Every structure is written in C-alpha cells, then in structure tokens.
Amino acid sequence: MPAANFWEASRRFFSNYFNFRGRASRSEFWYAMLFFVAVSLLIGVIGLPDILASIWLLGTMVPFLSVSARRLHDTNRSGWLQIVSWFAPVGMIIAICWFSQPPRD
C-alpha cells in the first residue's frame, strides 16, 4: 500500500468505510487518526450539541475499526487483535506498538 498524505488518508478513511480486508500503510493509519482526533477536538472546542458529537462518533466508529484492521493486516496480524486496545492502559500501549511497526509479508 503506497504512503498517503493527510488529505488522501482522510479520503480513504471514509471511502473504505466497510473495507476490513487489505492493508493500510502507516501514513494512511496515522493521518486518519490525526483527522479523527482533530475533528473530535474541534467539535469539543466549538461546543456543538451532544447529539452532533454523538453522530460524529457513531458515524466514524466503523471506518475507525476498518482502518485499524487493515493496519494490523499490514503487520501480518489479525484485525481482531485491535480488541487488545480496549484494555487500557497496557492494551493501548501494545496496540500502538503494533500500529507503528513496518509492514511485514
């Protein structure tokens, strides 16, 4: 998977909404996460109503899971291993290490 810039990664984040197969490069994953966090912070700073923040979070849940699964596939791991990140703080640290690794065949 070729590297992606911020805008390309943001586009792929939504265009691969239900794509849990394939691979996502490190740049695609981290730029997509940056986009997600930046918009989430912006929603919080602006003080949009909770219903709009909830819609944002629900609307990005599936692409968040799918880009994470594709990133794990790029490191030759099952996409299901992202469940490890739900066990804070140790699981989150392990998942970040996995997401940061270079691709493996």
N, C-alpha and C. Protein backbone atom coordinates (compact mmCIF):
# COMPACT_ATOMS: atom_id res chain seq x y z
N MET A 1 0.85 -1.18 0.00
CA MET A 1 0.00 0.00 0.00
C MET A 1 0.89 1.23 0.00
N PRO A 2 0.70 2.12 -0.96
CA PRO A 2 1.52 3.32 -1.01
C PRO A 2 1.21 4.27 0.14
N ALA A 3 2.21 5.07 0.47
CA ALA A 3 2.05 6.06 1.54
C ALA A 3 0.98 7.07 1.14
N ALA A 4 0.34 7.66 2.13
CA ALA A 4 -0.72 8.62 1.86
C ALA A 4 -0.43 9.92 2.59
N ASN A 5 -0.83 11.02 1.97
CA ASN A 5 -0.73 12.30 2.68
C ASN A 5 -1.99 12.48 3.53
N PHE A 6 -2.07 13.58 4.25
CA PHE A 6 -3.18 13.81 5.18
C PHE A 6 -4.53 13.75 4.47
N TRP A 7 -4.66 14.43 3.35
CA TRP A 7 -5.96 14.50 2.67
C TRP A 7 -6.32 13.17 2.03
N GLU A 8 -5.35 12.48 1.46
CA GLU A 8 -5.61 11.17 0.87
C GLU A 8 -6.03 10.17 1.95
N ALA A 9 -5.34 10.20 3.09
CA ALA A 9 -5.69 9.29 4.19
C ALA A 9 -7.10 9.59 4.71
N SER A 10 -7.45 10.86 4.79
CA SER A 10 -8.78 11.25 5.25
C SER A 10 -9.84 10.77 4.27
N ARG A 11 -9.55 10.87 2.98
CA ARG A 11 -10.48 10.40 1.96
C ARG A 11 -10.64 8.88 2.04
N ARG A 12 -9.51 8.16 2.16
CA ARG A 12 -9.57 6.70 2.28
C ARG A 12 -10.30 6.25 3.54
N PHE A 13 -10.19 7.05 4.60
CA PHE A 13 -10.87 6.74 5.86
C PHE A 13 -12.36 6.54 5.61
N PHE A 14 -12.96 7.40 4.78
CA PHE A 14 -14.39 7.29 4.51
C PHE A 14 -14.70 6.45 3.28
N SER A 15 -13.84 6.45 2.28
CA SER A 15 -14.14 5.67 1.08
C SER A 15 -14.00 4.17 1.31
N ASN A 16 -13.23 3.77 2.31
CA ASN A 16 -13.11 2.35 2.68
C ASN A 16 -13.92 2.05 3.94
N TYR A 17 -15.08 2.64 4.03
CA TYR A 17 -15.92 2.60 5.23
C TYR A 17 -16.09 1.18 5.77
N PHE A 18 -16.48 0.25 4.93
CA PHE A 18 -16.72 -1.12 5.36
C PHE A 18 -15.66 -2.10 4.86
N ASN A 19 -14.52 -1.60 4.46
CA ASN A 19 -13.46 -2.46 3.93
C ASN A 19 -12.54 -2.93 5.06
N PHE A 20 -12.77 -4.15 5.51
CA PHE A 20 -11.95 -4.73 6.57
C PHE A 20 -10.87 -5.65 6.00
N ARG A 21 -10.75 -5.70 4.70
CA ARG A 21 -9.74 -6.53 4.04
C ARG A 21 -8.67 -5.63 3.44
N GLY A 22 -7.54 -6.21 3.17
CA GLY A 22 -6.47 -5.44 2.58
C GLY A 22 -5.57 -4.84 3.64
N ARG A 23 -4.82 -3.85 3.23
CA ARG A 23 -3.80 -3.26 4.09
C ARG A 23 -3.90 -1.75 4.09
N ALA A 24 -3.45 -1.16 5.18
CA ALA A 24 -3.35 0.30 5.29
C ALA A 24 -1.92 0.62 5.71
N SER A 25 -1.29 1.53 4.98
CA SER A 25 0.08 1.94 5.32
C SER A 25 0.10 2.68 6.65
N ARG A 26 1.29 2.80 7.22
CA ARG A 26 1.40 3.54 8.47
C ARG A 26 0.92 4.97 8.30
N SER A 27 1.31 5.60 7.18
CA SER A 27 0.90 7.00 6.98
C SER A 27 -0.62 7.10 6.84
N GLU A 28 -1.23 6.16 6.13
CA GLU A 28 -2.69 6.19 5.99
C GLU A 28 -3.35 6.06 7.36
N PHE A 29 -2.88 5.14 8.18
CA PHE A 29 -3.47 4.93 9.50
C PHE A 29 -3.29 6.15 10.39
N TRP A 30 -2.05 6.64 10.51
CA TRP A 30 -1.79 7.73 11.46
C TRP A 30 -2.40 9.05 11.01
N TYR A 31 -2.43 9.32 9.70
CA TYR A 31 -3.11 10.54 9.24
C TYR A 31 -4.62 10.43 9.44
N ALA A 32 -5.18 9.23 9.25
CA ALA A 32 -6.61 9.05 9.50
C ALA A 32 -6.92 9.28 10.98
N MET A 33 -6.03 8.79 11.86
CA MET A 33 -6.23 9.01 13.29
C MET A 33 -6.10 10.49 13.64
N LEU A 34 -5.14 11.17 13.01
CA LEU A 34 -4.98 12.61 13.23
C LEU A 34 -6.24 13.35 12.80
N PHE A 35 -6.79 13.00 11.66
CA PHE A 35 -8.03 13.61 11.17
C PHE A 35 -9.16 13.38 12.17
N PHE A 36 -9.32 12.14 12.63
CA PHE A 36 -10.37 11.81 13.58
C PHE A 36 -10.24 12.61 14.87
N VAL A 37 -9.03 12.65 15.43
CA VAL A 37 -8.80 13.37 16.69
C VAL A 37 -8.99 14.87 16.49
N ALA A 38 -8.49 15.42 15.38
CA ALA A 38 -8.60 16.86 15.13
C ALA A 38 -10.08 17.28 15.03
N VAL A 39 -10.86 16.52 14.28
CA VAL A 39 -12.28 16.87 14.15
C VAL A 39 -13.00 16.69 15.49
N SER A 40 -12.66 15.63 16.22
CA SER A 40 -13.28 15.42 17.53
C SER A 40 -12.95 16.56 18.49
N LEU A 41 -11.70 17.01 18.50
CA LEU A 41 -11.33 18.14 19.35
C LEU A 41 -12.04 19.41 18.91
N LEU A 42 -12.13 19.62 17.62
CA LEU A 42 -12.82 20.80 17.09
C LEU A 42 -14.29 20.80 17.52
N ILE A 43 -14.92 19.66 17.46
CA ILE A 43 -16.31 19.55 17.90
C ILE A 43 -16.43 19.92 19.37
N GLY A 44 -15.46 19.47 20.17
CA GLY A 44 -15.47 19.78 21.60
C GLY A 44 -15.21 21.25 21.89
N VAL A 45 -14.24 21.83 21.17
CA VAL A 45 -13.88 23.24 21.39
C VAL A 45 -15.02 24.17 20.96
N ILE A 46 -15.61 23.86 19.83
CA ILE A 46 -16.72 24.69 19.33
C ILE A 46 -17.92 24.56 20.25
N GLY A 47 -18.03 23.43 20.91
CA GLY A 47 -19.15 23.21 21.82
C GLY A 47 -20.44 22.86 21.11
N LEU A 48 -20.33 22.06 20.07
CA LEU A 48 -21.53 21.62 19.36
C LEU A 48 -22.40 20.79 20.31
N PRO A 49 -23.68 20.74 20.05
CA PRO A 49 -24.57 19.94 20.90
C PRO A 49 -24.12 18.48 20.97
N ASP A 50 -24.41 17.87 22.09
CA ASP A 50 -24.00 16.48 22.30
C ASP A 50 -24.53 15.54 21.23
N ILE A 51 -25.69 15.82 20.70
CA ILE A 51 -26.26 14.94 19.67
C ILE A 51 -25.38 14.94 18.42
N LEU A 52 -24.82 16.10 18.05
CA LEU A 52 -23.94 16.15 16.88
C LEU A 52 -22.62 15.44 17.15
N ALA A 53 -22.10 15.59 18.37
CA ALA A 53 -20.88 14.87 18.73
C ALA A 53 -21.13 13.36 18.70
N SER A 54 -22.29 12.94 19.17
CA SER A 54 -22.64 11.52 19.16
C SER A 54 -22.77 11.00 17.74
N ILE A 55 -23.36 11.78 16.87
CA ILE A 55 -23.49 11.39 15.46
C ILE A 55 -22.11 11.24 14.84
N TRP A 56 -21.20 12.17 15.12
CA TRP A 56 -19.83 12.08 14.62
C TRP A 56 -19.17 10.79 15.10
N LEU A 57 -19.26 10.51 16.39
CA LEU A 57 -18.62 9.32 16.94
C LEU A 57 -19.23 8.03 16.39
N LEU A 58 -20.52 7.98 16.28
CA LEU A 58 -21.17 6.78 15.71
C LEU A 58 -20.86 6.63 14.23
N GLY A 59 -20.80 7.76 13.52
CA GLY A 59 -20.53 7.72 12.08
C GLY A 59 -19.10 7.35 11.74
N THR A 60 -18.19 7.55 12.68
CA THR A 60 -16.78 7.22 12.41
C THR A 60 -16.33 5.93 13.10
N MET A 61 -17.21 5.28 13.81
CA MET A 61 -16.83 4.05 14.51
C MET A 61 -16.41 2.95 13.54
N VAL A 62 -17.20 2.71 12.51
CA VAL A 62 -16.89 1.64 11.56
C VAL A 62 -15.62 1.94 10.77
N PRO A 63 -15.45 3.15 10.20
CA PRO A 63 -14.19 3.39 9.48
C PRO A 63 -12.98 3.35 10.41
N PHE A 64 -13.15 3.74 11.66
CA PHE A 64 -12.06 3.66 12.64
C PHE A 64 -11.65 2.20 12.84
N LEU A 65 -12.62 1.32 13.00
CA LEU A 65 -12.34 -0.10 13.17
C LEU A 65 -11.75 -0.71 11.90
N SER A 66 -12.25 -0.28 10.74
CA SER A 66 -11.76 -0.88 9.49
C SER A 66 -10.33 -0.45 9.17
N VAL A 67 -9.98 0.82 9.38
CA VAL A 67 -8.60 1.24 9.11
C VAL A 67 -7.65 0.59 10.11
N SER A 68 -8.11 0.37 11.33
CA SER A 68 -7.28 -0.31 12.33
C SER A 68 -7.05 -1.77 11.93
N ALA A 69 -8.09 -2.44 11.45
CA ALA A 69 -7.95 -3.83 11.00
C ALA A 69 -7.00 -3.91 9.81
N ARG A 70 -7.15 -2.99 8.84
CA ARG A 70 -6.26 -3.02 7.68
C ARG A 70 -4.81 -2.73 8.08
N ARG A 71 -4.61 -1.86 9.07
CA ARG A 71 -3.25 -1.57 9.55
C ARG A 71 -2.64 -2.81 10.19
N LEU A 72 -3.43 -3.54 10.98
CA LEU A 72 -2.93 -4.76 11.58
C LEU A 72 -2.63 -5.82 10.52
N HIS A 73 -3.45 -5.88 9.47
CA HIS A 73 -3.16 -6.80 8.36
C HIS A 73 -1.82 -6.48 7.73
N ASP A 74 -1.47 -5.20 7.66
CA ASP A 74 -0.19 -4.80 7.06
C ASP A 74 0.99 -5.28 7.89
N THR A 75 0.75 -5.57 9.17
CA THR A 75 1.82 -6.10 10.03
C THR A 75 1.66 -7.61 10.22
N ASN A 76 0.86 -8.24 9.36
CA ASN A 76 0.59 -9.68 9.39
C ASN A 76 -0.05 -10.13 10.70
N ARG A 77 -1.00 -9.35 11.16
CA ARG A 77 -1.77 -9.71 12.35
C ARG A 77 -3.25 -9.71 11.97
N SER A 78 -4.02 -10.42 12.75
CA SER A 78 -5.46 -10.43 12.54
C SER A 78 -6.05 -9.08 12.95
N GLY A 79 -7.03 -8.63 12.21
CA GLY A 79 -7.71 -7.39 12.55
C GLY A 79 -8.43 -7.47 13.89
N TRP A 80 -8.75 -8.68 14.31
CA TRP A 80 -9.42 -8.87 15.60
C TRP A 80 -8.53 -8.48 16.77
N LEU A 81 -7.23 -8.43 16.56
CA LEU A 81 -6.32 -8.09 17.65
C LEU A 81 -6.47 -6.65 18.13
N GLN A 82 -7.21 -5.84 17.39
CA GLN A 82 -7.43 -4.47 17.88
C GLN A 82 -8.26 -4.47 19.15
N ILE A 83 -8.89 -5.58 19.48
CA ILE A 83 -9.61 -5.71 20.74
C ILE A 83 -8.67 -5.49 21.92
N VAL A 84 -7.39 -5.81 21.73
CA VAL A 84 -6.39 -5.61 22.78
C VAL A 84 -6.38 -4.15 23.24
N SER A 85 -6.61 -3.22 22.32
CA SER A 85 -6.54 -1.80 22.66
C SER A 85 -7.66 -1.37 23.60
N TRP A 86 -8.67 -2.18 23.76
CA TRP A 86 -9.78 -1.84 24.65
C TRP A 86 -9.41 -2.01 26.12
N PHE A 87 -8.28 -2.67 26.39
CA PHE A 87 -7.85 -2.92 27.76
C PHE A 87 -6.78 -1.91 28.15
N ALA A 88 -7.26 -0.73 28.54
CA ALA A 88 -6.35 0.38 28.89
C ALA A 88 -5.68 0.07 30.22
N PRO A 89 -4.50 0.56 30.44
CA PRO A 89 -3.60 1.26 29.53
C PRO A 89 -2.65 0.31 28.80
N VAL A 90 -2.46 -0.91 29.34
CA VAL A 90 -1.48 -1.83 28.76
C VAL A 90 -1.85 -2.23 27.33
N GLY A 91 -3.12 -2.55 27.11
CA GLY A 91 -3.56 -2.94 25.78
C GLY A 91 -3.39 -1.83 24.76
N MET A 92 -3.61 -0.60 25.19
CA MET A 92 -3.44 0.54 24.27
C MET A 92 -1.98 0.69 23.86
N ILE A 93 -1.08 0.50 24.80
CA ILE A 93 0.35 0.61 24.50
C ILE A 93 0.77 -0.49 23.53
N ILE A 94 0.29 -1.71 23.75
CA ILE A 94 0.60 -2.82 22.85
C ILE A 94 0.08 -2.53 21.45
N ALA A 95 -1.17 -2.06 21.36
CA ALA A 95 -1.77 -1.76 20.05
C ALA A 95 -1.01 -0.65 19.33
N ILE A 96 -0.61 0.38 20.05
CA ILE A 96 0.16 1.47 19.43
C ILE A 96 1.48 0.93 18.88
N CYS A 97 2.11 0.04 19.61
CA CYS A 97 3.36 -0.58 19.12
C CYS A 97 3.10 -1.35 17.84
N TRP A 98 2.01 -2.12 17.79
CA TRP A 98 1.68 -2.88 16.60
C TRP A 98 1.37 -1.96 15.42
N PHE A 99 0.59 -0.91 15.67
CA PHE A 99 0.23 0.02 14.60
C PHE A 99 1.45 0.75 14.05
N SER A 100 2.48 0.90 14.87
CA SER A 100 3.68 1.65 14.47
C SER A 100 4.71 0.81 13.72
N GLN A 101 4.55 -0.48 13.72
CA GLN A 101 5.54 -1.35 13.10
C GLN A 101 5.51 -1.25 11.57
N PRO A 102 6.65 -1.51 10.95
CA PRO A 102 6.68 -1.50 9.48
C PRO A 102 5.91 -2.69 8.93
N PRO A 103 5.54 -2.63 7.66
CA PRO A 103 4.78 -3.73 7.06
C PRO A 103 5.61 -5.02 7.03
N ARG A 104 4.91 -6.13 7.17
CA ARG A 104 5.55 -7.44 7.06
C ARG A 104 4.77 -8.29 6.07
N ASP A 105 5.48 -9.10 5.37
CA ASP A 105 4.82 -10.01 4.40
C ASP A 105 4.58 -11.36 4.98
